Amino acid sequence: MNNEIKEKAQLLNQWILQQDVVLEFKRYESLLKKNPQLRTLEEELKQLQKEIVQKKHQKLYCDDTIQEYQIKKQLFDENPIIHNYLLYKQEVNDLLYQIQNDIHTQLKKKID
């Protein structure tokens, strides 16, 4: 990679990291990591998902497991930290997607 491209990539990276939406995402990500109850609940949800898949694969009754999962998932999703974390995660993804499209458009213009 030539130096000009490398410098532009570093400047773009710095710009992205300074955006309010990225800073807020990182803040909520940190809050999530520091919250043992949420991490435990997240692990329980993953385990329940696996259990549901296994039971369905084995054609076993799993309605009670699904109901338990739904209750815990609702608690998880309604938590303000999780809600905001997911919201900002989507906004960061949207920003990165837009940047990718802009780069692609500019490169296409140079090729044409």
Protein backbone atom coordinates (compact mmCIF):
# COMPACT_ATOMS: atom_id res chain seq x y z
CA MET A 1 0.00 0.00 0.00
CA ASN A 2 1.51 3.32 -0.95
CA ASN A 3 2.05 6.00 1.66
CA GLU A 4 -0.66 8.34 0.36
CA ILE A 5 -3.35 5.67 0.67
CA LYS A 6 -2.01 4.63 4.06
CA GLU A 7 -2.14 8.23 5.32
CA LYS A 8 -5.69 8.72 4.02
CA ALA A 9 -6.78 5.47 5.66
CA GLN A 10 -5.26 6.57 8.98
CA LEU A 11 -6.98 9.98 8.74
CA LEU A 12 -10.29 8.30 7.93
CA ASN A 13 -9.85 5.94 10.87
CA GLN A 14 -9.12 8.86 13.22
CA TRP A 15 -12.15 10.73 11.89
CA ILE A 16 -14.41 7.70 12.42
CA LEU A 17 -13.17 7.19 15.98
CA GLN A 18 -13.96 10.84 16.79
CA GLN A 19 -17.58 10.69 15.63
CA ASP A 20 -20.18 11.12 18.38
CA VAL A 21 -22.02 7.97 17.38
CA VAL A 22 -18.83 5.90 17.67
CA LEU A 23 -17.92 7.47 21.00
CA GLU A 24 -21.40 6.71 22.37
CA PHE A 25 -21.25 3.16 21.04
CA LYS A 26 -17.92 2.62 22.78
CA ARG A 27 -19.32 4.08 26.00
CA TYR A 28 -22.27 1.67 26.01
CA GLU A 29 -20.03 -1.20 24.99
CA SER A 30 -17.88 -0.45 28.03
CA LEU A 31 -20.94 -0.27 30.29
CA LEU A 32 -22.09 -3.62 28.97
CA LYS A 33 -18.70 -5.21 29.59
CA LYS A 34 -18.62 -3.84 33.15
CA ASN A 35 -22.07 -5.19 34.03
CA PRO A 36 -21.81 -8.81 35.26
CA GLN A 37 -25.59 -9.29 35.38
CA LEU A 38 -25.99 -8.36 31.73
CA ARG A 39 -23.05 -10.51 30.68
CA THR A 40 -24.49 -13.44 32.62
CA LEU A 41 -27.92 -12.91 31.08
CA GLU A 42 -26.37 -12.72 27.63
CA GLU A 43 -24.60 -16.04 28.22
CA GLU A 44 -27.83 -17.60 29.49
CA LEU A 45 -29.58 -16.47 26.30
CA LYS A 46 -26.87 -18.02 24.15
CA GLN A 47 -27.13 -21.26 26.10
CA LEU A 48 -30.91 -21.32 25.77
CA GLN A 49 -30.60 -20.74 22.02
CA LYS A 50 -28.31 -23.74 21.74
CA GLU A 51 -30.66 -25.82 23.86
CA ILE A 52 -33.65 -24.89 21.68
CA VAL A 53 -31.77 -25.79 18.50
CA GLN A 54 -30.67 -29.12 19.95
CA LYS A 55 -34.16 -29.99 21.15
CA LYS A 56 -35.68 -29.05 17.79
CA HIS A 57 -33.05 -31.09 15.98
CA GLN A 58 -33.86 -34.09 18.20
CA LYS A 59 -37.59 -33.36 17.79
CA LEU A 60 -38.02 -32.94 21.53
CA TYR A 61 -40.51 -30.71 23.32
CA CYS A 62 -39.02 -27.26 23.76
CA ASP A 63 -41.93 -24.86 24.35
CA ASP A 64 -40.89 -24.32 27.96
CA THR A 65 -37.33 -23.51 26.88
CA ILE A 66 -38.62 -21.12 24.22
CA GLN A 67 -40.83 -19.40 26.77
CA GLU A 68 -37.92 -19.05 29.20
CA TYR A 69 -35.78 -17.66 26.39
CA GLN A 70 -38.45 -15.13 25.38
CA ILE A 71 -38.85 -13.87 28.93
CA LYS A 72 -35.10 -13.46 29.42
CA LYS A 73 -34.68 -11.94 25.97
CA GLN A 74 -37.32 -9.34 26.73
CA LEU A 75 -35.59 -8.42 30.01
CA PHE A 76 -32.29 -8.21 28.17
CA ASP A 77 -33.62 -6.09 25.28
CA GLU A 78 -35.51 -3.72 27.55
CA ASN A 79 -32.45 -2.90 29.60
CA PRO A 80 -31.46 0.72 28.77
CA ILE A 81 -27.78 -0.17 28.38
CA ILE A 82 -28.58 -2.95 25.91
CA HIS A 83 -31.16 -0.90 24.09
CA ASN A 84 -28.77 2.02 23.57
CA TYR A 85 -25.84 -0.28 22.80
CA LEU A 86 -27.81 -1.96 20.00
CA LEU A 87 -29.09 1.37 18.73
CA TYR A 88 -25.61 2.87 18.50
CA LYS A 89 -24.20 -0.35 17.06
CA GLN A 90 -26.66 -0.06 14.18
CA GLU A 91 -25.84 3.62 13.70
CA VAL A 92 -22.10 2.85 13.59
CA ASN A 93 -22.77 0.08 11.06
CA ASP A 94 -24.81 2.52 8.96
CA LEU A 95 -21.97 5.07 9.09
CA LEU A 96 -19.40 2.48 8.04
CA TYR A 97 -21.65 1.25 5.24
CA GLN A 98 -22.05 4.82 3.97
CA ILE A 99 -18.28 5.36 4.07
CA GLN A 100 -17.75 2.11 2.17
CA ASN A 101 -20.26 3.20 -0.48
CA ASP A 102 -18.62 6.62 -0.77
CA ILE A 103 -15.18 5.05 -1.24
CA HIS A 104 -16.57 2.62 -3.81
CA THR A 105 -18.24 5.49 -5.71
CA GLN A 106 -15.03 7.56 -5.74
CA LEU A 107 -12.95 4.61 -6.90
CA LYS A 108 -15.44 3.87 -9.66
CA LYS A 109 -15.24 7.50 -10.82
CA LYS A 110 -11.45 7.25 -11.05
CA ILE A 111 -11.67 4.03 -13.06
CA ASP A 112 -14.30 5.41 -15.46
